Amino acid sequence: MPTMTTDVYRMLPPEGIKIFLVLSLAFLLGLEREEHKAAGTEYGFGGVRTFPLIGLIGYAVALTAGTDTLPVVLGLAVVAAFLLVSYWHKLQVSGAAGVTSEISALATYLVGALVAREQFWVATTLAVTGLFLLELKAALEGLARRIAPGEILTVAKFLLLTAVVLPVLPNQPFGPVAINPFKTWLVVVAVSAVSYGSYVIQRITKGQGGIALAAVLGGAYSSTVTTLVLARRAAREARPHLVSGSTLMASGMMYLRLAALVGLFNPSLLAILGVPFAVLAAVALGVGWLWSRVPDGRAGDVQKAFDPKNPLELTAALLFGAVFLAMLVLTHLVVTHLGHAGLYSLAALMGASDVDPFVMGLTQGAGGATPITAAAAAIVVAASSNNLIKGIYAYAASDRATGVMSVTLLALLAVAGLTPLVWLGYWGG
């Protein structure tokens, strides 16, 4: 049985619904500009009346034009001419002025035209995105001040290489190891992107949140690097519970990072490791946080001092690619000639450094040359080995109290990290 809302909807003419949508979206943009004018003393263009009118003009021009695009373009040019006069007046009055309101008005005209062409999703997305950009002015400008120009150039170069190089790489295996150039570079892009997400958040929150937040974000970037940084600070901080607990939290984030990367390239591996890694991450983060809250005799938090390198640096990305290829070849040779025992031994050795290249290599070979269960077991061994090695690093680099706590906590996590081998019952593949 049709509802009252459905009946009302059917009674309304289709063009009336479109006009209502245009008025709603344009009114929101005009309202934001009206608030902006009220907050300042200088001349500002448009508001809650002007923007809806511009949206209606765009709608009417596109409606009467039918499928012809030229009238819509000419209408946009006419509106732009009026906006140019407004901007010239603004410059005469204030000497220096932004052009945000005028550009927003042009976008409002396009919103109306898009609704007339029944591009409702595009029109709504354009208006809502524009509204967010206008409202987040202070936050976005603050972000721009925190990010160095050199880092923006690094991202631009990396995106250029990704957009240009990745599509032209052959997406097929070569040689006895079945190296796929496209997938190899895709792995580099994925690992760098995950690290870069953590890197950006660390830069935004620099000086905020203390050492615990730094450890969590650092663990998503590199738990090994974070452990070393925390250990070197431990002696002068004299906060063994705080530092060792934060170190454990960083290693908990490592499990989430590995699960995310594994899931991107081998869902079958994630089906095996997803739940155990999520549990291990939750336990490490929870216990680490509780341990870090134990009083150390000093009040206050410790401000973080972890300043990571940009993971999108081209040299770092190329180096990771080279190490990844080396791990791919080495893993293939070990599995072929030494079997599962050799693979597990290699996994234990890889824990002494960054385990990402080794783990990502297993995602490519799992289910083929390497049985899926053997690959999952090797990843578990590598992660536990890495936790144990990080404990040794922490013990060697920090003061005695922090070192003992850190190596104990990480050794316990390493042992706990091996339990999936027994629980799932696939040791030996």
Protein backbone atom coordinates (compact mmCIF):
# COMPACT_ATOMS: atom_id res chain seq x y z
CA MET A 1 0.00 0.00 0.00
CA PRO A 2 1.54 3.36 -0.96
CA THR A 3 2.40 5.67 1.91
CA MET A 4 1.42 9.30 2.24
CA THR A 5 4.98 10.33 1.43
CA THR A 6 4.87 8.32 -1.80
CA ASP A 7 1.54 9.89 -2.76
CA VAL A 8 2.85 13.40 -2.18
CA TYR A 9 5.98 12.58 -4.17
CA ARG A 10 3.88 11.43 -7.13
CA MET A 11 1.73 14.55 -6.99
CA LEU A 12 4.73 16.86 -7.33
CA PRO A 13 5.93 17.62 -10.87
CA PRO A 14 9.39 16.19 -11.62
CA GLU A 15 10.79 19.63 -12.39
CA GLY A 16 9.50 20.91 -9.05
CA ILE A 17 11.60 18.30 -7.22
CA LYS A 18 14.65 19.33 -9.24
CA ILE A 19 14.09 23.00 -8.45
CA PHE A 20 13.75 22.17 -4.76
CA LEU A 21 17.07 20.29 -4.85
CA VAL A 22 18.81 23.20 -6.57
CA LEU A 23 17.41 25.67 -4.04
CA SER A 24 18.44 23.47 -1.12
CA LEU A 25 22.03 22.96 -2.26
CA ALA A 26 22.51 26.57 -3.35
CA PHE A 27 20.97 27.87 -0.12
CA LEU A 28 23.47 25.88 1.96
CA LEU A 29 26.37 27.37 0.02
CA GLY A 30 24.88 30.85 0.30
CA LEU A 31 24.29 30.41 4.02
CA GLU A 32 27.94 29.51 4.57
CA ARG A 33 29.03 32.62 2.62
CA GLU A 34 26.55 34.74 4.58
CA GLU A 35 28.14 33.57 7.83
CA HIS A 36 31.54 34.39 6.39
CA LYS A 37 30.43 37.94 5.55
CA ALA A 38 28.94 38.42 9.02
CA ALA A 39 32.24 37.37 10.63
CA GLY A 40 34.27 39.96 8.68
CA THR A 41 34.17 43.69 8.06
CA GLU A 42 35.19 43.69 4.40
CA TYR A 43 33.00 43.49 1.33
CA GLY A 44 31.86 39.99 0.44
CA PHE A 45 29.99 38.68 -2.54
CA GLY A 46 26.61 36.94 -2.30
CA GLY A 47 24.66 35.15 0.37
CA VAL A 48 21.41 33.33 1.01
CA ARG A 49 19.60 35.12 -1.83
CA THR A 50 22.28 35.48 -4.49
CA PHE A 51 23.50 31.88 -4.48
CA PRO A 52 20.05 30.29 -4.92
CA LEU A 53 19.39 32.72 -7.78
CA ILE A 54 22.64 31.70 -9.48
CA GLY A 55 21.72 28.04 -9.02
CA LEU A 56 18.31 28.65 -10.58
CA ILE A 57 19.92 30.44 -13.51
CA GLY A 58 22.16 27.45 -14.13
CA TYR A 59 19.16 25.13 -13.91
CA ALA A 60 17.01 27.23 -16.26
CA VAL A 61 19.75 27.63 -18.87
CA ALA A 62 20.53 23.90 -18.90
CA LEU A 63 16.82 23.01 -19.03
CA THR A 64 16.06 25.24 -22.00
CA ALA A 65 19.26 24.20 -23.78
CA GLY A 66 18.22 20.55 -23.88
CA THR A 67 21.16 18.47 -25.06
CA ASP A 68 23.06 21.50 -26.38
CA THR A 69 26.08 22.42 -24.24
CA LEU A 70 26.91 25.79 -25.80
CA PRO A 71 24.13 27.79 -24.04
CA VAL A 72 25.26 26.37 -20.70
CA VAL A 73 28.84 27.45 -21.39
CA LEU A 74 27.71 30.92 -22.50
CA GLY A 75 25.59 31.25 -19.37
CA LEU A 76 28.61 30.30 -17.26
CA ALA A 77 30.63 32.98 -19.06
CA VAL A 78 27.98 35.63 -18.35
CA VAL A 79 27.85 34.72 -14.66
CA ALA A 80 31.66 34.72 -14.54
CA ALA A 81 31.69 38.23 -16.04
CA PHE A 82 29.44 39.52 -13.25
CA LEU A 83 31.62 37.79 -10.69
CA LEU A 84 34.69 39.41 -12.23
CA VAL A 85 33.10 42.83 -11.71
CA SER A 86 32.37 41.89 -8.10
CA TYR A 87 35.95 40.77 -7.56
CA TRP A 88 37.30 43.99 -9.12
CA HIS A 89 35.13 45.97 -6.70
CA LYS A 90 36.42 43.88 -3.81
CA LEU A 91 40.01 44.68 -4.79
CA GLN A 92 39.20 48.38 -4.97
CA VAL A 93 37.70 48.32 -1.49
CA SER A 94 40.17 46.11 0.38
CA GLY A 95 43.29 46.02 -1.81
CA ALA A 96 43.84 42.29 -1.22
CA ALA A 97 41.00 39.82 -1.34
CA GLY A 98 40.32 36.16 -1.89
CA VAL A 99 38.29 34.72 -4.72
CA THR A 100 36.61 31.90 -2.79
CA SER A 101 33.10 33.40 -2.88
CA GLU A 102 33.24 34.01 -6.60
CA ILE A 103 34.44 30.48 -7.35
CA SER A 104 31.71 29.12 -5.05
CA ALA A 105 29.15 31.06 -7.09
CA LEU A 106 30.44 29.47 -10.31
CA ALA A 107 30.15 26.05 -8.67
CA THR A 108 26.57 26.89 -7.67
CA TYR A 109 25.72 27.67 -11.31
CA LEU A 110 27.12 24.26 -12.31
CA VAL A 111 25.11 22.56 -9.55
CA GLY A 112 21.94 23.95 -11.09
CA ALA A 113 22.97 22.85 -14.58
CA LEU A 114 23.85 19.36 -13.38
CA VAL A 115 20.49 18.92 -11.67
CA ALA A 116 18.74 19.94 -14.90
CA ARG A 117 20.71 17.21 -16.69
CA GLU A 118 19.63 14.76 -13.94
CA GLN A 119 23.18 14.34 -12.62
CA PHE A 120 21.84 14.42 -9.07
CA TRP A 121 24.68 12.54 -7.38
CA VAL A 122 27.35 14.69 -9.05
CA ALA A 123 25.50 17.90 -8.19
CA THR A 124 24.99 16.92 -4.56
CA THR A 125 28.58 15.74 -4.16
CA LEU A 126 29.89 18.97 -5.71
CA ALA A 127 27.81 21.12 -3.36
CA VAL A 128 28.53 19.12 -0.20
CA THR A 129 32.26 18.92 -0.95
CA GLY A 130 32.34 22.65 -1.62
CA LEU A 131 30.56 23.27 1.68
CA PHE A 132 33.14 21.20 3.57
CA LEU A 133 36.03 23.02 1.88
CA LEU A 134 34.53 26.39 2.79
CA GLU A 135 33.86 25.44 6.41
CA LEU A 136 37.25 23.80 6.94
CA LYS A 137 39.24 26.84 5.85
CA ALA A 138 41.15 27.25 9.13
CA ALA A 139 41.93 23.53 9.44
CA LEU A 140 43.11 23.23 5.84
CA GLU A 141 45.26 26.34 6.05
CA GLY A 142 46.77 25.03 9.29
CA LEU A 143 47.53 21.73 7.58
CA ALA A 144 49.26 23.57 4.74
CA ARG A 145 51.49 25.36 7.24
CA ARG A 146 52.47 22.09 8.93
CA ILE A 147 53.45 20.29 5.73
CA ALA A 148 56.77 21.39 4.30
CA PRO A 149 56.91 22.31 0.59
CA GLY A 150 59.52 19.60 0.02
CA GLU A 151 57.09 16.93 1.19
CA ILE A 152 54.42 18.14 -1.21
CA LEU A 153 56.94 17.88 -4.05
CA THR A 154 57.80 14.35 -2.92
CA VAL A 155 54.14 13.32 -3.08
CA ALA A 156 53.81 14.93 -6.51
CA LYS A 157 56.81 13.01 -7.86
CA PHE A 158 55.57 9.75 -6.38
CA LEU A 159 52.08 10.24 -7.84
CA LEU A 160 53.62 11.04 -11.21
CA LEU A 161 55.63 7.83 -11.18
CA THR A 162 52.61 5.86 -10.01
CA ALA A 163 50.21 7.30 -12.56
CA VAL A 164 52.66 7.07 -15.45
CA VAL A 165 54.74 3.99 -14.69
CA LEU A 166 52.18 1.64 -13.13
CA PRO A 167 49.72 1.52 -16.06
CA VAL A 168 52.44 0.70 -18.61
CA LEU A 169 54.12 -2.07 -16.63
CA PRO A 170 53.35 -5.56 -17.96
CA ASN A 171 50.86 -7.39 -15.79
CA GLN A 172 52.20 -10.89 -16.36
CA PRO A 173 54.78 -13.15 -14.70
CA PHE A 174 58.34 -13.46 -16.01
CA GLY A 175 61.07 -16.00 -15.29
CA PRO A 176 61.10 -19.07 -13.07
CA VAL A 177 60.17 -17.01 -10.00
CA ALA A 178 57.14 -15.57 -11.85
CA ILE A 179 57.97 -11.95 -11.08
CA ASN A 180 55.11 -9.65 -12.12
CA PRO A 181 56.38 -6.06 -12.66
CA PHE A 182 52.91 -4.54 -12.27
CA LYS A 183 52.20 -6.32 -8.99
CA THR A 184 55.70 -5.57 -7.73
CA TRP A 185 55.24 -1.84 -8.14
CA LEU A 186 51.68 -2.08 -6.83
CA VAL A 187 53.06 -3.63 -3.63
CA VAL A 188 55.50 -0.73 -3.28
CA VAL A 189 52.65 1.76 -3.74
CA ALA A 190 50.42 0.00 -1.19
CA VAL A 191 53.09 -0.28 1.52
CA SER A 192 54.16 3.33 0.99
CA ALA A 193 50.56 4.52 1.11
CA VAL A 194 49.86 2.76 4.43
CA SER A 195 53.05 4.21 5.92
CA TYR A 196 52.27 7.64 4.51
CA GLY A 197 48.85 7.67 6.14
CA SER A 198 50.47 7.20 9.54
CA TYR A 199 53.19 9.71 8.64
CA VAL A 200 50.67 12.44 7.77
CA ILE A 201 48.71 11.93 10.99
CA GLN A 202 51.94 12.13 12.98
CA ARG A 203 52.85 15.40 11.30
CA ILE A 204 49.37 16.83 11.94
CA THR A 205 49.40 15.80 15.62
CA LYS A 206 53.01 16.78 16.21
CA GLY A 207 53.45 17.90 19.82
CA GLN A 208 50.02 16.57 20.80
CA GLY A 209 48.81 13.41 22.49
CA GLY A 210 52.07 12.47 24.19
CA ILE A 211 54.14 9.35 23.83
CA ALA A 212 51.26 6.84 23.74
CA LEU A 213 49.71 8.38 20.61
CA ALA A 214 53.16 8.60 19.04
CA ALA A 215 53.69 4.88 19.69
CA VAL A 216 50.36 3.89 18.12
CA LEU A 217 50.91 6.01 15.01
CA GLY A 218 54.56 5.00 14.86
CA GLY A 219 53.59 1.34 14.98
CA ALA A 220 51.46 1.83 11.88
CA TYR A 221 54.49 3.45 10.24
CA SER A 222 57.24 1.12 11.52
CA SER A 223 57.15 -0.58 14.91
CA THR A 224 60.89 -1.33 14.73
CA VAL A 225 61.84 2.32 14.22
CA THR A 226 59.38 3.41 16.91
CA THR A 227 60.84 0.91 19.40
CA LEU A 228 64.36 2.22 18.82
CA VAL A 229 63.25 5.85 19.19
CA LEU A 230 61.41 5.14 22.43
CA ALA A 231 64.33 3.13 23.81
CA ARG A 232 66.79 5.95 23.19
CA ARG A 233 64.54 8.39 25.03
CA ALA A 234 63.92 6.05 27.97
CA ALA A 235 67.11 6.83 29.92
CA ARG A 236 66.48 10.57 30.19
CA GLU A 237 62.72 10.27 30.76
CA ALA A 238 62.83 7.85 33.73
CA ARG A 239 59.34 6.59 32.91
CA PRO A 240 59.84 2.83 32.44
CA HIS A 241 56.15 1.86 32.60
CA LEU A 242 55.09 4.58 30.19
CA VAL A 243 57.84 3.87 27.66
CA SER A 244 57.66 0.06 27.81
CA GLY A 245 53.86 0.08 27.64
CA SER A 246 53.97 2.41 24.65
CA THR A 247 56.52 0.13 22.99
CA LEU A 248 54.11 -2.79 23.37
CA MET A 249 51.33 -0.70 21.82
CA ALA A 250 53.52 0.02 18.80
CA SER A 251 54.01 -3.70 18.24
CA GLY A 252 50.26 -4.23 18.57
CA MET A 253 49.74 -1.80 15.69
CA MET A 254 52.20 -3.87 13.65
CA TYR A 255 49.68 -6.72 13.56
CA LEU A 256 46.97 -4.43 12.23
CA ARG A 257 49.36 -3.05 9.62
CA LEU A 258 50.34 -6.55 8.46
CA ALA A 259 46.69 -7.66 8.33
CA ALA A 260 45.79 -4.65 6.16
CA LEU A 261 48.66 -5.26 3.73
CA VAL A 262 48.03 -9.02 3.55
CA GLY A 263 44.34 -8.44 2.91
CA LEU A 264 45.05 -6.10 0.00
CA PHE A 265 46.95 -8.73 -1.97
CA ASN A 266 45.86 -12.12 -0.68
CA PRO A 267 42.36 -12.40 0.87
CA SER A 268 42.93 -16.13 1.44
CA LEU A 269 45.82 -15.35 3.76
CA LEU A 270 43.74 -12.72 5.56
CA ALA A 271 41.00 -15.30 6.11
CA ILE A 272 43.54 -17.35 8.07
CA LEU A 273 45.40 -14.54 9.85
CA GLY A 274 42.75 -11.83 10.21
CA VAL A 275 41.15 -12.95 13.48
CA PRO A 276 44.39 -14.02 15.26
CA PHE A 277 46.14 -10.79 14.27
CA ALA A 278 43.16 -8.69 15.38
CA VAL A 279 43.15 -10.45 18.76
CA LEU A 280 46.91 -10.03 19.18
CA ALA A 281 46.64 -6.34 18.27
CA ALA A 282 43.80 -5.79 20.75
CA VAL A 283 45.67 -7.57 23.54
CA ALA A 284 48.93 -5.70 22.91
CA LEU A 285 47.21 -2.33 22.68
CA GLY A 286 45.07 -2.97 25.76
CA VAL A 287 47.83 -4.37 27.96
CA GLY A 288 50.28 -1.75 26.72
CA TRP A 289 47.89 1.08 27.55
CA LEU A 290 47.17 -0.30 31.03
CA TRP A 291 50.88 -0.85 31.68
CA SER A 292 51.71 2.68 30.55
CA ARG A 293 49.22 4.04 33.11
CA VAL A 294 51.13 2.52 36.05
CA PRO A 295 52.70 5.45 38.01
CA ASP A 296 56.44 5.88 37.57
CA GLY A 297 56.98 8.50 40.25
CA ARG A 298 56.93 11.42 37.80
CA ALA A 299 53.84 13.46 36.98
CA GLY A 300 52.78 14.53 33.53
CA ASP A 301 53.09 12.98 30.13
CA VAL A 302 56.08 12.80 27.85
CA GLN A 303 55.80 14.70 24.61
CA LYS A 304 56.67 12.66 21.59
CA ALA A 305 59.85 13.25 19.65
CA PHE A 306 59.45 10.73 16.84
CA ASP A 307 60.11 12.49 13.54
CA PRO A 308 59.68 9.86 10.80
CA LYS A 309 61.01 10.18 7.30
CA ASN A 310 58.58 10.65 4.45
CA PRO A 311 57.88 7.08 3.18
CA LEU A 312 57.10 8.45 -0.28
CA GLU A 313 60.69 9.48 -0.89
CA LEU A 314 61.59 7.93 -4.22
CA THR A 315 64.84 6.42 -2.94
CA ALA A 316 62.97 4.73 -0.07
CA ALA A 317 60.29 3.40 -2.42
CA LEU A 318 62.84 2.06 -4.91
CA LEU A 319 64.88 0.49 -2.11
CA PHE A 320 61.78 -1.25 -0.78
CA GLY A 321 61.02 -2.51 -4.29
CA ALA A 322 64.53 -3.93 -4.61
CA VAL A 323 64.36 -5.63 -1.20
CA PHE A 324 60.90 -6.98 -2.02
CA LEU A 325 62.19 -8.58 -5.24
CA ALA A 326 65.17 -10.04 -3.37
CA MET A 327 62.83 -11.55 -0.74
CA LEU A 328 60.60 -12.92 -3.51
CA VAL A 329 63.51 -14.71 -5.15
CA LEU A 330 65.03 -15.88 -1.86
CA THR A 331 61.71 -17.24 -0.59
CA HIS A 332 61.16 -19.13 -3.84
CA LEU A 333 64.62 -20.71 -3.65
CA VAL A 334 64.20 -21.63 0.03
CA VAL A 335 60.79 -23.25 -0.53
CA THR A 336 62.05 -25.11 -3.59
CA HIS A 337 65.25 -26.47 -2.07
CA LEU A 338 64.73 -26.46 1.72
CA GLY A 339 60.99 -26.93 2.09
CA HIS A 340 58.82 -25.65 4.94
CA ALA A 341 61.52 -25.93 7.59
CA GLY A 342 63.75 -23.66 5.54
CA LEU A 343 60.89 -21.20 5.03
CA TYR A 344 60.24 -20.97 8.77
CA SER A 345 63.95 -20.52 9.46
CA LEU A 346 64.08 -17.72 6.90
CA ALA A 347 61.01 -16.14 8.53
CA ALA A 348 62.73 -16.18 11.91
CA LEU A 349 65.81 -14.51 10.43
CA MET A 350 63.72 -11.83 8.68
CA GLY A 351 62.42 -10.70 12.06
CA ALA A 352 65.74 -8.96 12.65
CA SER A 353 64.74 -6.22 10.18
CA ASP A 354 61.66 -4.80 8.51
CA VAL A 355 59.34 -7.76 7.86
CA ASP A 356 57.20 -5.96 5.25
CA PRO A 357 59.18 -7.08 2.15
CA PHE A 358 59.22 -10.70 3.33
CA VAL A 359 55.51 -10.72 4.22
CA MET A 360 54.52 -9.04 0.95
CA GLY A 361 56.61 -11.57 -0.95
CA LEU A 362 54.65 -14.35 0.71
CA THR A 363 51.36 -12.75 -0.34
CA GLN A 364 52.48 -13.10 -3.96
CA GLY A 365 53.63 -16.72 -3.71
CA ALA A 366 51.01 -18.07 -1.29
CA GLY A 367 48.67 -20.51 -2.96
CA GLY A 368 51.17 -21.19 -5.73
CA ALA A 369 54.74 -22.25 -5.15
CA THR A 370 54.18 -21.77 -1.41
CA PRO A 371 51.16 -23.51 0.16
CA ILE A 372 48.74 -21.05 1.74
CA THR A 373 49.05 -22.54 5.22
CA ALA A 374 52.85 -22.57 5.06
CA ALA A 375 52.85 -18.90 4.04
CA ALA A 376 50.52 -18.03 6.92
CA ALA A 377 52.75 -19.89 9.37
CA ALA A 378 55.83 -18.11 8.04
CA ILE A 379 54.18 -14.71 8.52
CA VAL A 380 53.29 -15.63 12.11
CA VAL A 381 56.90 -16.71 12.78
CA ALA A 382 58.33 -13.55 11.18
CA ALA A 383 56.07 -11.29 13.26
CA SER A 384 56.96 -13.07 16.52
CA SER A 385 60.64 -13.04 15.66
CA ASN A 386 60.41 -9.33 14.96
CA ASN A 387 58.80 -8.72 18.36
CA LEU A 388 61.56 -10.64 20.12
CA ILE A 389 64.28 -8.75 18.23
CA LYS A 390 62.62 -5.43 19.06
CA GLY A 391 62.70 -6.45 22.71
CA ILE A 392 66.45 -7.01 22.44
CA TYR A 393 66.86 -3.65 20.71
CA ALA A 394 64.89 -1.95 23.50
CA TYR A 395 66.94 -3.67 26.21
CA ALA A 396 70.21 -2.65 24.59
CA ALA A 397 69.30 0.98 23.86
CA SER A 398 67.34 2.02 26.97
CA ASP A 399 67.98 2.21 30.70
CA ARG A 400 67.91 -1.01 32.74
CA ALA A 401 64.40 -0.69 34.19
CA THR A 402 62.77 0.21 30.87
CA GLY A 403 64.83 -2.37 29.02
CA VAL A 404 63.80 -5.22 31.33
CA MET A 405 60.14 -4.26 31.10
CA SER A 406 60.24 -3.83 27.32
CA VAL A 407 62.01 -7.10 26.56
CA THR A 408 59.67 -8.96 28.93
CA LEU A 409 56.52 -7.53 27.39
CA LEU A 410 57.70 -8.05 23.81
CA ALA A 411 58.94 -11.57 24.54
CA LEU A 412 55.52 -12.43 25.96
CA LEU A 413 53.89 -10.96 22.85
CA ALA A 414 56.26 -13.00 20.68
CA VAL A 415 55.22 -16.19 22.45
CA ALA A 416 51.54 -15.24 22.26
CA GLY A 417 52.05 -14.48 18.57
CA LEU A 418 52.98 -18.12 17.93
CA THR A 419 49.74 -19.49 19.39
CA PRO A 420 47.89 -19.34 16.04
CA LEU A 421 50.22 -22.10 14.82
CA VAL A 422 48.82 -24.45 17.47
CA TRP A 423 45.28 -23.08 17.49
CA LEU A 424 44.81 -23.40 13.73
CA GLY A 425 46.80 -26.65 13.57
CA TYR A 426 48.78 -25.98 10.42
CA TRP A 427 52.38 -26.11 11.61
CA GLY A 428 54.25 -27.84 8.82
CA GLY A 429 51.62 -26.96 6.19
